[in-house]
PDB file of N, CA and C in Angstrom:
ATOM      1  N   MET A   1     -64.590  10.820  44.565  1.00  0.00           N
ATOM      2  CA  MET A   1     -64.282  12.031  45.503  1.00  0.00           C
ATOM      3  C   MET A   1     -65.368  11.946  45.936  1.00  0.00           C
ATOM      4  N   GLY A   2     -65.668  11.904  47.096  1.00  0.00           N
ATOM      5  CA  GLY A   2     -66.831  12.327  48.408  1.00  0.00           C
ATOM      6  C   GLY A   2     -67.598  14.032  48.018  1.00  0.00           C
ATOM      7  N   ARG A   3     -68.963  14.361  48.523  1.00  0.00           N
ATOM      8  CA  ARG A   3     -69.394  15.880  48.501  1.00  0.00           C
ATOM      9  C   ARG A   3     -68.428  16.569  49.281  1.00  0.00           C
ATOM     10  N   SER A   4     -68.188  15.942  50.431  1.00  0.00           N
ATOM     11  CA  SER A   4     -67.787  16.755  51.588  1.00  0.00           C
ATOM     12  C   SER A   4     -66.142  17.211  50.870  1.00  0.00           C
ATOM     13  N   GLN A   5     -65.157  16.053  50.346  1.00  0.00           N
ATOM     14  CA  GLN A   5     -63.954  16.426  50.021  1.00  0.00           C
ATOM     15  C   GLN A   5     -63.896  17.506  48.812  1.00  0.00           C
ATOM     16  N   ARG A   6     -65.342  17.337  47.808  1.00  0.00           N
ATOM     17  CA  ARG A   6     -65.095  18.510  47.324  1.00  0.00           C
ATOM     18  C   ARG A   6     -65.443  19.744  47.622  1.00  0.00           C
ATOM     19  N   VAL A   7     -66.721  19.653  48.616  1.00  0.00           N
ATOM     20  CA  VAL A   7     -66.678  21.245  48.761  1.00  0.00           C
ATOM     21  C   VAL A   7     -65.517  21.727  49.996  1.00  0.00           C
ATOM     22  N   LYS A   8     -64.628  21.014  50.409  1.00  0.00           N
ATOM     23  CA  LYS A   8     -63.556  21.373  51.312  1.00  0.00           C
ATOM     24  C   LYS A   8     -62.503  21.935  50.008  1.00  0.00           C
ATOM     25  N   GLY A   9     -62.580  21.184  49.117  1.00  0.00           N
ATOM     26  CA  GLY A   9     -61.519  21.510  48.053  1.00  0.00           C
ATOM     27  C   GLY A   9     -62.015  23.015  47.272  1.00  0.00           C
ATOM     28  N   ALA A  10     -63.185  23.195  46.463  1.00  0.00           N
ATOM     29  CA  ALA A  10     -63.794  24.285  46.623  1.00  0.00           C
ATOM     30  C   ALA A  10     -63.435  25.738  47.616  1.00  0.00           C
ATOM     31  N   ALA A  11     -63.930  25.230  48.410  1.00  0.00           N
ATOM     32  CA  ALA A  11     -63.462  26.335  49.623  1.00  0.00           C
ATOM     33  C   ALA A  11     -61.976  26.596  49.785  1.00  0.00           C
ATOM     34  N   ALA A  12     -60.792  25.732  49.882  1.00  0.00           N
ATOM     35  CA  ALA A  12     -59.713  25.685  49.875  1.00  0.00           C
ATOM     36  C   ALA A  12     -58.887  26.797  48.497  1.00  0.00           C
ATOM     37  N   GLU A  13     -59.688  26.458  47.324  1.00  0.00           N
ATOM     38  CA  GLU A  13     -59.743  26.824  45.795  1.00  0.00           C
ATOM     39  C   GLU A  13     -60.053  28.777  46.299  1.00  0.00           C
ATOM     40  N   ARG A  14     -61.140  28.957  46.743  1.00  0.00           N
ATOM     41  CA  ARG A  14     -61.504  30.548  46.788  1.00  0.00           C
ATOM     42  C   ARG A  14     -60.497  31.155  47.980  1.00  0.00           C
ATOM     43  N   GLU A  15     -59.970  30.122  48.948  1.00  0.00           N
ATOM     44  CA  GLU A  15     -59.255  30.924  49.982  1.00  0.00           C
ATOM     45  C   GLU A  15     -57.941  31.137  49.840  1.00  0.00           C
ATOM     46  N   PHE A  16     -57.598  30.556  48.217  1.00  0.00           N
ATOM     47  CA  PHE A  16     -56.029  30.797  47.514  1.00  0.00           C
ATOM     48  C   PHE A  16     -56.326  31.762  46.676  1.00  0.00           C
ATOM     49  N   THR A  17     -57.447  31.548  46.091  1.00  0.00           N
ATOM     50  CA  THR A  17     -57.458  33.057  44.763  1.00  0.00           C
ATOM     51  C   THR A  17     -57.886  34.484  45.847  1.00  0.00           C
ATOM     52  N   ALA A  18     -58.432  34.061  47.144  1.00  0.00           N
ATOM     53  CA  ALA A  18     -58.796  35.234  47.440  1.00  0.00           C
ATOM     54  C   ALA A  18     -57.387  35.991  48.349  1.00  0.00           C
ATOM     55  N   ILE A  19     -56.669  34.855  48.240  1.00  0.00           N
ATOM     56  CA  ILE A  19     -55.336  35.783  48.788  1.00  0.00           C
ATOM     57  C   ILE A  19     -54.393  36.474  47.613  1.00  0.00           C
ATOM     58  N   LEU A  20     -54.772  35.768  46.499  1.00  0.00           N
ATOM     59  CA  LEU A  20     -53.972  36.021  45.956  1.00  0.00           C
ATOM     60  C   LEU A  20     -54.313  37.569  45.018  1.00  0.00           C
ATOM     61  N   SER A  21     -55.684  37.388  44.615  1.00  0.00           N
ATOM     62  CA  SER A  21     -56.668  38.826  44.379  1.00  0.00           C
ATOM     63  C   SER A  21     -55.470  39.745  45.162  1.00  0.00           C
ATOM     64  N   GLU A  22     -55.635  39.712  46.221  1.00  0.00           N
ATOM     65  CA  GLU A  22     -55.756  40.823  47.408  1.00  0.00           C
ATOM     66  C   GLU A  22     -53.808  41.309  47.681  1.00  0.00           C
ATOM     67  N   GLN A  23     -53.437  40.173  47.521  1.00  0.00           N
ATOM     68  CA  GLN A  23     -51.974  40.347  47.212  1.00  0.00           C
ATOM     69  C   GLN A  23     -51.458  41.137  45.788  1.00  0.00           C
ATOM     70  N   LEU A  24     -51.923  40.402  44.669  1.00  0.00           N
ATOM     71  CA  LEU A  24     -52.051  41.064  43.107  1.00  0.00           C
ATOM     72  C   LEU A  24     -52.151  42.078  42.485  1.00  0.00           C
ATOM     73  N   GLY A  25     -53.336  42.634  43.358  1.00  0.00           N
ATOM     74  CA  GLY A  25     -54.359  43.582  43.498  1.00  0.00           C
ATOM     75  C   GLY A  25     -55.078  43.437  41.913  1.00  0.00           C
ATOM     76  N   GLN A  26     -55.428  41.898  41.983  1.00  0.00           N
ATOM     77  CA  GLN A  26     -56.012  41.804  40.315  1.00  0.00           C
ATOM     78  C   GLN A  26     -56.864  40.929  40.892  1.00  0.00           C
ATOM     79  N   VAL A  27     -58.331  40.349  40.109  1.00  0.00           N
ATOM     80  CA  VAL A  27     -59.083  39.510  40.211  1.00  0.00           C
ATOM     81  C   VAL A  27     -58.310  37.814  40.097  1.00  0.00           C
ATOM     82  N   VAL A  28     -58.597  37.210  40.480  1.00  0.00           N
ATOM     83  CA  VAL A  28     -57.542  36.004  40.411  1.00  0.00           C
ATOM     84  C   VAL A  28     -58.638  34.591  40.539  1.00  0.00           C
ATOM     85  N   GLN A  29     -59.179  33.795  39.909  1.00  0.00           N
ATOM     86  CA  GLN A  29     -60.449  33.439  39.998  1.00  0.00           C
ATOM     87  C   GLN A  29     -59.997  31.108  39.908  1.00  0.00           C
ATOM     88  N   ARG A  30     -61.125  30.346  40.597  1.00  0.00           N
ATOM     89  CA  ARG A  30     -60.499  29.158  39.913  1.00  0.00           C
ATOM     90  C   ARG A  30     -61.285  28.821  38.728  1.00  0.00           C
ATOM     91  N   LYS A  31     -60.665  27.698  38.351  1.00  0.00           N
ATOM     92  CA  LYS A  31     -61.098  27.284  37.305  1.00  0.00           C
ATOM     93  C   LYS A  31     -62.410  26.484  37.363  1.00  0.00           C
ATOM     94  N   LEU A  32     -63.473  26.466  37.348  1.00  0.00           N
ATOM     95  CA  LEU A  32     -64.463  25.465  37.364  1.00  0.00           C
ATOM     96  C   LEU A  32     -64.012  24.490  36.453  1.00  0.00           C
ATOM     97  N   GLY A  33     -64.855  23.085  36.894  1.00  0.00           N
ATOM     98  CA  GLY A  33     -64.627  21.802  35.708  1.00  0.00           C
ATOM     99  C   GLY A  33     -63.280  21.287  36.247  1.00  0.00           C
ATOM    100  N   GLN A  34     -62.494  21.732  36.783  1.00  0.00           N
ATOM    101  CA  GLN A  34     -61.220  21.582  35.956  1.00  0.00           C
ATOM    102  C   GLN A  34     -60.849  19.857  36.480  1.00  0.00           C
ATOM    103  N   SER A  35     -61.554  19.763  37.686  1.00  0.00           N
ATOM    104  CA  SER A  35     -61.390  18.166  37.980  1.00  0.00           C
ATOM    105  C   SER A  35     -62.478  17.091  36.707  1.00  0.00           C
ATOM    106  N   ARG A  36     -62.730  17.632  36.338  1.00  0.00           N
ATOM    107  CA  ARG A  36     -63.639  16.590  35.858  1.00  0.00           C
ATOM    108  C   ARG A  36     -62.381  16.650  34.178  1.00  0.00           C
ATOM    109  N   ASP A  37     -61.473  17.541  33.816  1.00  0.00           N
ATOM    110  CA  ASP A  37     -60.685  17.830  32.652  1.00  0.00           C
ATOM    111  C   ASP A  37     -59.642  17.995  32.798  1.00  0.00           C
ATOM    112  N   GLY A  38     -59.753  17.417  34.207  1.00  0.00           N
ATOM    113  CA  GLY A  38     -57.848  17.090  35.011  1.00  0.00           C
ATOM    114  C   GLY A  38     -57.029  17.993  34.634  1.00  0.00           C
ATOM    115  N   GLY A  39     -57.145  18.842  34.769  1.00  0.00           N
ATOM    116  CA  GLY A  39     -55.847  20.080  34.889  1.00  0.00           C
ATOM    117  C   GLY A  39     -55.913  21.263  35.953  1.00  0.00           C
ATOM    118  N   ASP A  40     -55.501  22.478  36.063  1.00  0.00           N
ATOM    119  CA  ASP A  40     -54.939  22.732  37.085  1.00  0.00           C
ATOM    120  C   ASP A  40     -56.151  23.599  37.645  1.00  0.00           C
ATOM    121  N   ASP A  41     -55.575  23.988  38.865  1.00  0.00           N
ATOM    122  CA  ASP A  41     -57.261  24.778  39.736  1.00  0.00           C
ATOM    123  C   ASP A  41     -57.232  26.400  39.566  1.00  0.00           C
ATOM    124  N   VAL A  42     -56.350  26.609  39.336  1.00  0.00           N
ATOM    125  CA  VAL A  42     -55.839  28.226  39.283  1.00  0.00           C
ATOM    126  C   VAL A  42     -54.658  28.684  38.358  1.00  0.00           C
ATOM    127  N   GLN A  43     -54.614  29.678  37.492  1.00  0.00           N
ATOM    128  CA  GLN A  43     -53.450  30.193  36.912  1.00  0.00           C
ATOM    129  C   GLN A  43     -53.537  31.750  36.685  1.00  0.00           C
ATOM    130  N   VAL A  44     -52.119  32.298  37.050  1.00  0.00           N
ATOM    131  CA  VAL A  44     -51.843  33.328  36.957  1.00  0.00           C
ATOM    132  C   VAL A  44     -49.998  33.274  36.297  1.00  0.00           C
ATOM    133  N   GLN A  45     -50.814  34.301  34.826  1.00  0.00           N
ATOM    134  CA  GLN A  45     -49.669  34.121  33.940  1.00  0.00           C
ATOM    135  C   GLN A  45     -49.471  32.962  33.466  1.00  0.00           C
ATOM    136  N   LYS A  46     -47.645  32.420  33.664  1.00  0.00           N
ATOM    137  CA  LYS A  46     -47.671  30.999  33.098  1.00  0.00           C
ATOM    138  C   LYS A  46     -47.662  30.468  34.475  1.00  0.00           C
ATOM    139  N   PHE A  47     -48.090  31.191  35.825  1.00  0.00           N
ATOM    140  CA  PHE A  47     -48.437  29.651  36.814  1.00  0.00           C
ATOM    141  C   PHE A  47     -49.070  29.394  36.620  1.00  0.00           C
ATOM    142  N   ARG A  48     -49.097  27.869  36.362  1.00  0.00           N
ATOM    143  CA  ARG A  48     -50.290  27.356  37.116  1.00  0.00           C
ATOM    144  C   ARG A  48     -50.497  26.470  38.395  1.00  0.00           C
ATOM    145  N   PHE A  49     -51.518  26.565  38.946  1.00  0.00           N
ATOM    146  CA  PHE A  49     -51.803  26.005  40.543  1.00  0.00           C
ATOM    147  C   PHE A  49     -52.189  25.138  40.877  1.00  0.00           C
ATOM    148  N   GLU A  50     -51.763  24.008  41.241  1.00  0.00           N
ATOM    149  CA  GLU A  50     -52.681  22.523  42.015  1.00  0.00           C
ATOM    150  C   GLU A  50     -53.239  22.774  43.215  1.00  0.00           C
ATOM    151  N   VAL A  51     -54.116  23.053  43.711  1.00  0.00           N
ATOM    152  CA  VAL A  51     -54.655  23.745  45.181  1.00  0.00           C
ATOM    153  C   VAL A  51     -55.154  22.741  46.160  1.00  0.00           C
ATOM    154  N   LYS A  52     -54.394  22.281  47.036  1.00  0.00           N
ATOM    155  CA  LYS A  52     -54.963  21.310  47.936  1.00  0.00           C
ATOM    156  C   LYS A  52     -54.992  21.626  49.293  1.00  0.00           C
ATOM    157  N   ARG A  53     -56.164  21.311  50.025  1.00  0.00           N
ATOM    158  CA  ARG A  53     -56.465  21.082  51.388  1.00  0.00           C
ATOM    159  C   ARG A  53     -56.342  20.184  52.434  1.00  0.00           C
ATOM    160  N   ARG A  54     -55.630  19.175  52.670  1.00  0.00           N
ATOM    161  CA  ARG A  54     -55.857  18.210  53.172  1.00  0.00           C
ATOM    162  C   ARG A  54     -54.381  17.956  54.423  1.00  0.00           C
ATOM    163  N   GLU A  55     -54.916  16.592  55.427  1.00  0.00           N
ATOM    164  CA  GLU A  55     -54.175  16.667  56.298  1.00  0.00           C
ATOM    165  C   GLU A  55     -52.904  15.796  55.529  1.00  0.00           C
ATOM    166  N   THR A  56     -53.229  14.632  55.040  1.00  0.00           N
ATOM    167  CA  THR A  56     -52.520  13.805  54.512  1.00  0.00           C
ATOM    168  C   THR A  56     -51.805  13.616  52.960  1.00  0.00           C
ATOM    169  N   LEU A  57     -50.428  14.223  53.512  1.00  0.00           N
ATOM    170  CA  LEU A  57     -49.989  14.863  52.124  1.00  0.00           C
ATOM    171  C   LEU A  57     -49.237  14.030  51.163  1.00  0.00           C
ATOM    172  N   ALA A  58     -49.836  14.256  49.800  1.00  0.00           N
ATOM    173  CA  ALA A  58     -49.193  13.563  48.761  1.00  0.00           C
ATOM    174  C   ALA A  58     -48.498  14.429  47.234  1.00  0.00           C
ATOM    175  N   LEU A  59     -47.491  15.422  47.907  1.00  0.00           N
ATOM    176  CA  LEU A  59     -46.703  15.657  46.933  1.00  0.00           C
ATOM    177  C   LEU A  59     -46.148  15.503  46.225  1.00  0.00           C
ATOM    178  N   PRO A  60     -45.379  14.006  45.649  1.00  0.00           N
ATOM    179  CA  PRO A  60     -45.346  13.692  44.456  1.00  0.00           C
ATOM    180  C   PRO A  60     -46.376  13.240  43.494  1.00  0.00           C
ATOM    181  N   ALA A  61     -47.432  13.099  44.392  1.00  0.00           N
ATOM    182  CA  ALA A  61     -48.421  13.317  42.713  1.00  0.00           C
ATOM    183  C   ALA A  61     -49.115  14.045  42.751  1.00  0.00           C
ATOM    184  N   TRP A  62     -49.268  14.957  43.490  1.00  0.00           N
ATOM    185  CA  TRP A  62     -49.800  16.888  43.266  1.00  0.00           C
ATOM    186  C   TRP A  62     -48.650  17.002  42.164  1.00  0.00           C
ATOM    187  N   THR A  63     -47.645  16.882  41.892  1.00  0.00           N
ATOM    188  CA  THR A  63     -46.601  17.194  41.688  1.00  0.00           C
ATOM    189  C   THR A  63     -46.810  16.855  40.307  1.00  0.00           C
ATOM    190  N   ARG A  64     -47.246  15.668  40.440  1.00  0.00           N
ATOM    191  CA  ARG A  64     -46.777  15.056  38.613  1.00  0.00           C
ATOM    192  C   ARG A  64     -48.247  15.576  38.197  1.00  0.00           C
ATOM    193  N   GLN A  65     -49.478  15.493  39.090  1.00  0.00           N
ATOM    194  CA  GLN A  65     -50.791  15.873  37.995  1.00  0.00           C
ATOM    195  C   GLN A  65     -50.339  17.454  37.890  1.00  0.00           C
ATOM    196  N   ILE A  66     -49.582  18.166  38.177  1.00  0.00           N
ATOM    197  CA  ILE A  66     -50.070  19.591  37.963  1.00  0.00           C
ATOM    198  C   ILE A  66     -48.839  19.669  36.793  1.00  0.00           C
ATOM    199  N   GLU A  67     -47.756  18.782  36.961  1.00  0.00           N
ATOM    200  CA  GLU A  67     -47.234  18.822  35.795  1.00  0.00           C
ATOM    201  C   GLU A  67     -46.921  18.789  34.145  1.00  0.00           C
ATOM    202  N   SER A  68     -48.064  17.348  34.431  1.00  0.00           N
ATOM    203  CA  SER A  68     -48.646  17.227  33.552  1.00  0.00           C
ATOM    204  C   SER A  68     -49.676  17.567  32.874  1.00  0.00           C
ATOM    205  N   ALA A  69     -50.317  18.678  33.433  1.00  0.00           N
ATOM    206  CA  ALA A  69     -51.545  19.669  32.794  1.00  0.00           C
ATOM    207  C   ALA A  69     -50.882  20.664  32.412  1.00  0.00           C
ATOM    208  N   CYS A  70     -49.399  21.409  32.402  1.00  0.00           N
ATOM    209  CA  CYS A  70     -48.829  22.596  31.994  1.00  0.00           C
ATOM    210  C   CYS A  70     -48.207  22.526  30.868  1.00  0.00           C
ATOM    211  N   ALA A  71     -48.304  23.421  30.013  1.00  0.00           N
ATOM    212  CA  ALA A  71     -47.626  23.683  28.164  1.00  0.00           C
ATOM    213  C   ALA A  71     -46.443  23.442  28.327  1.00  0.00           C
ATOM    214  N   PRO A  72     -45.499  23.731  27.760  1.00  0.00           N
ATOM    215  CA  PRO A  72     -44.002  24.194  27.589  1.00  0.00           C
ATOM    216  C   PRO A  72     -44.192  25.675  27.819  1.00  0.00           C
ATOM    217  N   GLY A  73     -43.547  25.876  28.892  1.00  0.00           N
ATOM    218  CA  GLY A  73     -43.167  27.496  29.198  1.00  0.00           C
ATOM    219  C   GLY A  73     -44.067  28.086  30.308  1.00  0.00           C
ATOM    220  N   GLU A  74     -44.880  26.693  30.888  1.00  0.00           N
ATOM    221  CA  GLU A  74     -45.614  27.340  31.811  1.00  0.00           C
ATOM    222  C   GLU A  74     -45.213  26.457  33.303  1.00  0.00           C
ATOM    223  N   VAL A  75     -45.034  27.158  34.587  1.00  0.00           N
ATOM    224  CA  VAL A  75     -45.023  26.651  35.336  1.00  0.00           C
ATOM    225  C   VAL A  75     -45.681  25.936  36.397  1.00  0.00           C
ATOM    226  N   PRO A  76     -45.330  24.681  36.600  1.00  0.00           N
ATOM    227  CA  PRO A  76     -46.425  24.029  37.535  1.00  0.00           C
ATOM    228  C   PRO A  76     -46.672  24.339  39.334  1.00  0.00           C
ATOM    229  N   VAL A  77     -47.115  24.503  40.172  1.00  0.00           N
ATOM    230  CA  VAL A  77     -46.883  25.142  40.876  1.00  0.00           C
ATOM    231  C   VAL A  77     -48.249  23.638  41.862  1.00  0.00           C
ATOM    232  N   VAL A  78     -47.571  23.612  43.140  1.00  0.00           N
ATOM    233  CA  VAL A  78     -48.779  23.065  44.261  1.00  0.00           C
ATOM    234  C   VAL A  78     -48.979  23.790  45.286  1.00  0.00           C
ATOM    235  N   ALA A  79     -50.202  24.010  45.394  1.00  0.00           N
ATOM    236  CA  ALA A  79     -50.147  25.477  46.613  1.00  0.00           C
ATOM    237  C   ALA A  79     -51.311  24.416  47.690  1.00  0.00           C
ATOM    238  N   TYR A  80     -50.438  24.140  49.045  1.00  0.00           N
ATOM    239  CA  TYR A  80     -51.764  23.535  49.819  1.00  0.00           C
ATOM    240  C   TYR A  80     -51.347  24.140  51.293  1.00  0.00           C
ATOM    241  N   ARG A  81     -52.178  23.711  51.923  1.00  0.00           N
ATOM    242  CA  ARG A  81     -52.855  24.112  53.148  1.00  0.00           C
ATOM    243  C   ARG A  81     -53.423  22.510  54.208  1.00  0.00           C
ATOM    244  N   GLN A  82     -52.563  22.617  55.225  1.00  0.00           N
ATOM    245  CA  GLN A  82     -52.776  21.404  56.136  1.00  0.00           C
ATOM    246  C   GLN A  82     -54.059  22.490  57.519  1.00  0.00           C
ATOM    247  N   ASN A  83     -54.813  21.247  58.347  1.00  0.00           N
ATOM    248  CA  ASN A  83     -55.194  22.604  58.988  1.00  0.00           C
ATOM    249  C   ASN A  83     -54.070  23.311  59.997  1.00  0.00           C
ATOM    250  N   GLY A  84     -54.413  24.342  60.131  1.00  0.00           N
ATOM    251  CA  GLY A  84     -53.564  25.242  61.246  1.00  0.00           C
ATOM    252  C   GLY A  84     -53.000  26.007  60.901  1.00  0.00           C
ATOM    253  N   GLN A  85     -52.370  25.652  59.638  1.00  0.00           N
ATOM    254  CA  GLN A  85     -51.498  25.898  59.248  1.00  0.00           C
ATOM    255  C   GLN A  85     -51.415  26.669  58.253  1.00  0.00           C
ATOM    256  N   CYS A  86     -50.090  27.509  58.012  1.00  0.00           N
ATOM    257  CA  CYS A  86     -50.191  28.781  56.750  1.00  0.00           C
ATOM    258  C   CYS A  86     -49.958  27.861  55.089  1.00  0.00           C
ATOM    259  N   TRP A  87     -50.761  28.535  54.318  1.00  0.00           N
ATOM    260  CA  TRP A  87     -49.957  27.921  52.918  1.00  0.00           C
ATOM    261  C   TRP A  87     -49.240  28.217  52.499  1.00  0.00           C
ATOM    262  N   ARG A  88     -48.839  26.921  51.813  1.00  0.00           N
ATOM    263  CA  ARG A  88     -47.315  26.357  51.196  1.00  0.00           C
ATOM    264  C   ARG A  88     -47.238  26.105  50.026  1.00  0.00           C
ATOM    265  N   ILE A  89     -46.285  26.231  49.539  1.00  0.00           N
ATOM    266  CA  ILE A  89     -45.946  26.317  48.024  1.00  0.00           C
ATOM    267  C   ILE A  89     -44.801  25.336  47.929  1.00  0.00           C
ATOM    268  N   VAL A  90     -45.031  24.358  46.450  1.00  0.00           N
ATOM    269  CA  VAL A  90     -44.105  23.683  46.446  1.00  0.00           C
ATOM    270  C   VAL A  90     -44.074  23.692  44.245  1.00  0.00           C
ATOM    271  N   MET A  91     -42.318  23.779  44.183  1.00  0.00           N
ATOM    272  CA  MET A  91     -42.109  24.327  42.790  1.00  0.00           C
ATOM    273  C   MET A  91     -40.993  23.970  42.566  1.00  0.00           C
ATOM    274  N   LYS A  92     -40.237  23.650  41.449  1.00  0.00           N
ATOM    275  CA  LYS A  92     -39.166  22.902  40.856  1.00  0.00           C
ATOM    276  C   LYS A  92     -38.013  24.345  41.182  1.00  0.00           C
ATOM    277  N   LEU A  93     -37.125  23.834  41.383  1.00  0.00           N
ATOM    278  CA  LEU A  93     -36.195  25.009  41.901  1.00  0.00           C
ATOM    279  C   LEU A  93     -35.692  25.367  40.635  1.00  0.00           C
ATOM    280  N   GLN A  94     -35.577  25.149  39.578  1.00  0.00           N
ATOM    281  CA  GLN A  94     -35.138  25.523  38.244  1.00  0.00           C
ATOM    282  C   GLN A  94     -36.478  26.776  38.460  1.00  0.00           C
ATOM    283  N   ASP A  95     -37.918  26.475  38.364  1.00  0.00           N
ATOM    284  CA  ASP A  95     -38.752  27.139  38.287  1.00  0.00           C
ATOM    285  C   ASP A  95     -38.598  28.756  39.471  1.00  0.00           C
ATOM    286  N   PHE A  96     -37.886  28.046  40.665  1.00  0.00           N
ATOM    287  CA  PHE A  96     -38.181  29.343  41.608  1.00  0.00           C
ATOM    288  C   PHE A  96     -36.943  30.327  41.699  1.00  0.00           C
ATOM    289  N   LEU A  97     -35.806  29.739  41.039  1.00  0.00           N
ATOM    290  CA  LEU A  97     -34.322  30.144  40.774  1.00  0.00           C
ATOM    291  C   LEU A  97     -34.912  31.458  40.415  1.00  0.00           C
ATOM    292  N   PRO A  98     -35.642  31.849  39.020  1.00  0.00           N
ATOM    293  CA  PRO A  98     -35.728  32.935  38.249  1.00  0.00           C
ATOM    294  C   PRO A  98     -36.105  34.096  39.253  1.00  0.00           C
ATOM    295  N   LEU A  99     -37.547  33.704  40.212  1.00  0.00           N
ATOM    296  CA  LEU A  99     -37.896  34.190  40.914  1.00  0.00           C
ATOM    297  C   LEU A  99     -36.909  34.983  41.837  1.00  0.00           C
ATOM    298  N   LEU A 100     -35.979  33.696  42.897  1.00  0.00           N
ATOM    299  CA  LEU A 100     -34.882  34.414  43.635  1.00  0.00           C
ATOM    300  C   LEU A 100     -34.312  35.581  43.041  1.00  0.00           C
ATOM    301  N   ARG A 101     -33.687  35.195  41.604  1.00  0.00           N
ATOM    302  CA  ARG A 101     -32.876  35.845  40.758  1.00  0.00           C
ATOM    303  C   ARG A 101     -33.676  37.844  41.108  1.00  0.00           C
ATOM    304  N   GLY A 102     -34.690  37.699  40.078  1.00  0.00           N
ATOM    305  CA  GLY A 102     -35.611  38.712  40.447  1.00  0.00           C
ATOM    306  C   GLY A 102     -35.970  39.622  41.729  1.00  0.00           C
ATOM    307  N   GLU A 103     -35.611  39.167  43.076  1.00  0.00           N
ATOM    308  CA  GLU A 103     -35.506  39.790  44.556  1.00  0.00           C
ATOM    309  C   GLU A 103     -34.257  40.089  44.467  1.00  0.00           C
ATOM    310  N   LEU A 104     -33.114  39.478  44.153  1.00  0.00           N
ATOM    311  CA  LEU A 104     -32.209  39.843  44.264  1.00  0.00           C
ATOM    312  C   LEU A 104     -30.875  40.989  42.909  1.00  0.00           C
ATOM    313  N   LYS A 105     -31.443  41.161  42.034  1.00  0.00           N
ATOM    314  CA  LYS A 105     -31.416  42.405  41.769  1.00  0.00           C
ATOM    315  C   LYS A 105     -31.010  43.025  42.092  1.00  0.00           C
ATOM    316  N   PRO A 106     -29.605  43.804  41.970  1.00  0.00           N
ATOM    317  CA  PRO A 106     -28.957  45.164  42.998  1.00  0.00           C
ATOM    318  C   PRO A 106     -29.996  46.252  42.165  1.00  0.00           C
ATOM    319  N   GLU A 107     -30.204  47.235  42.972  1.00  0.00           N
ATOM    320  CA  GLU A 107     -31.299  48.384  43.168  1.00  0.00           C
ATOM    321  C   GLU A 107     -30.288  49.178  42.730  1.00  0.00           C
ATOM    322  N   ALA A 108     -31.258  49.985  41.530  1.00  0.00           N
ATOM    323  CA  ALA A 108     -29.986  50.699  41.208  1.00  0.00           C
ATOM    324  C   ALA A 108     -29.668  52.258  42.150  1.00  0.00           C
ATOM    325  N   THR A 109     -28.617  52.381  42.309  1.00  0.00           N
ATOM    326  CA  THR A 109     -27.719  53.442  43.497  1.00  0.00           C
ATOM    327  C   THR A 109     -27.895  54.664  42.895  1.00  0.00           C
ATOM    328  N   GLN A 110     -28.526  55.061  43.775  1.00  0.00           N
ATOM    329  CA  GLN A 110     -28.232  56.835  43.286  1.00  0.00           C
ATOM    330  C   GLN A 110     -26.840  57.823  44.118  1.00  0.00           C
ATOM    331  N   HIS A 111     -26.429  58.134  43.232  1.00  0.00           N
ATOM    332  CA  HIS A 111     -25.191  58.432  42.907  1.00  0.00           C
ATOM    333  C   HIS A 111     -25.232  60.121  43.321  1.00  0.00           C
ATOM    334  N   ASP A 112     -24.500  60.557  44.478  1.00  0.00           N
ATOM    335  CA  ASP A 112     -24.565  62.167  44.838  1.00  0.00           C
ATOM    336  C   ASP A 112     -23.736  62.804  43.356  1.00  0.00           C
ATOM    337  N   PRO A 113     -24.100  63.710  42.077  1.00  0.00           N
ATOM    338  CA  PRO A 113     -23.641  64.615  41.788  1.00  0.00           C
ATOM    339  C   PRO A 113     -21.885  65.414  41.906  1.00  0.00           C
ATOM    340  N   ALA A 114     -22.311  65.533  43.117  1.00  0.00           N
ATOM    341  CA  ALA A 114     -21.092  66.442  44.112  1.00  0.00           C
ATOM    342  C   ALA A 114     -19.791  66.207  43.426  1.00  0.00           C
TER     343      ALA A 114
END
């Protein structure tokens, strides 16, 4: 990987972690040295992210990369952005469904005791 690709990748990781930090209300930092170690770029609780800023997508390779870095119980996620586009997330359906169910839980209804 060339120097410009490493710089672009680091900038993408900083951009992505800044968004997570703002939205989650906590500091999220990128992992340094991960490319050398073959791990993930960012981790938030059980979610491990492989962050990519590329025009040419290689989603199958990226998902294999993050899945191999995860331990049992961890959730592999690919976050990517192309030029002029928004950030996108790719994850397994089986990992997404609990998130969706959490959003669809019935809200506590308030009944008028009258």
